[in-house]
């Protein structure tokens, strides 16, 4: 049997990745060009890097179960 904690973590990572794709799609619909996903730096990880005109957006994606929870 798979460890419940490991399964929960795997499901959370999968849901987080889906949320990143949804965020990228919404940004593209607003005219942003996606420059990168899950970019690693020495200090942290950037979920999305997007550009629209002269605006560079560094995006941290957080998934919540509902808008009320967010």
Protein backbone atom coordinates (compact mmCIF):
# COMPACT_ATOMS: atom_id res chain seq x y z
CA UNK A 1 0.00 0.00 0.00
CA UNK A 2 1.18 3.46 -0.89
CA UNK A 3 1.88 5.75 2.01
CA UNK A 4 -1.08 8.12 2.44
CA UNK A 5 1.21 11.06 3.11
CA UNK A 6 3.24 10.38 -0.05
CA UNK A 7 0.07 10.05 -2.12
CA UNK A 8 -1.27 13.33 -0.73
CA UNK A 9 2.02 15.06 -1.58
CA UNK A 10 1.98 13.65 -5.10
CA UNK A 11 -1.61 14.80 -5.63
CA UNK A 12 -0.74 18.27 -4.32
CA UNK A 13 2.23 18.58 -6.69
CA UNK A 14 0.08 17.48 -9.64
CA UNK A 15 -2.65 19.99 -8.71
CA UNK A 16 -0.04 22.72 -8.33
CA UNK A 17 1.35 22.03 -11.78
CA UNK A 18 -2.15 22.18 -13.25
CA UNK A 19 -2.69 25.51 -11.50
CA UNK A 20 0.54 26.83 -13.07
CA UNK A 21 -0.72 25.86 -16.54
CA UNK A 22 -4.06 27.54 -15.89
CA UNK A 23 -2.28 30.69 -14.71
CA UNK A 24 -0.07 30.64 -17.81
CA UNK A 25 -3.11 30.26 -20.07
CA UNK A 26 -4.85 33.20 -18.37
CA UNK A 27 -1.74 35.36 -18.68
CA UNK A 28 -1.44 34.48 -22.38
CA UNK A 29 -5.10 35.40 -22.86
CA UNK A 30 -4.19 38.84 -21.45
CA UNK A 31 -1.35 39.23 -23.93
CA UNK A 32 1.60 37.98 -21.90
CA UNK A 33 4.31 35.82 -23.42
CA UNK A 34 5.46 33.06 -21.08
CA UNK A 35 9.24 33.07 -20.81
CA UNK A 36 9.67 30.23 -18.34
CA UNK A 37 8.14 27.72 -15.93
CA UNK A 38 9.57 26.67 -12.55
CA UNK A 39 12.82 28.61 -12.91
CA UNK A 40 15.38 27.88 -10.20
CA UNK A 41 17.44 30.58 -8.50
CA UNK A 42 19.81 30.31 -5.56
CA UNK A 43 17.16 31.70 -3.22
CA UNK A 44 13.92 30.24 -4.56
CA UNK A 45 11.92 28.97 -7.50
CA UNK A 46 9.88 31.23 -9.79
CA UNK A 47 6.67 29.54 -10.95
CA UNK A 48 6.13 31.68 -14.06
CA UNK A 49 8.07 34.40 -15.81
CA UNK A 50 5.97 36.38 -18.29
CA UNK A 51 6.43 39.45 -20.46
CA UNK A 52 3.94 41.91 -21.95
CA UNK A 53 5.44 44.96 -23.57
CA UNK A 54 7.84 46.42 -21.01
CA UNK A 55 6.22 44.61 -18.07
CA UNK A 56 8.09 41.61 -16.71
CA UNK A 57 5.89 39.56 -14.37
CA UNK A 58 7.44 37.20 -11.83
CA UNK A 59 4.52 35.01 -10.77
CA UNK A 60 4.06 32.80 -7.72
CA UNK A 61 1.07 30.51 -8.24
CA UNK A 62 -0.95 29.37 -5.23
CA UNK A 63 -3.78 26.90 -5.65
CA UNK A 64 -6.68 26.93 -3.19
CA UNK A 65 -9.78 24.78 -2.99
CA UNK A 66 -12.10 27.76 -3.48
CA UNK A 67 -12.11 31.50 -3.94
CA UNK A 68 -13.45 31.87 -0.39
CA UNK A 69 -10.45 29.96 0.98
CA UNK A 70 -8.06 32.10 -1.07
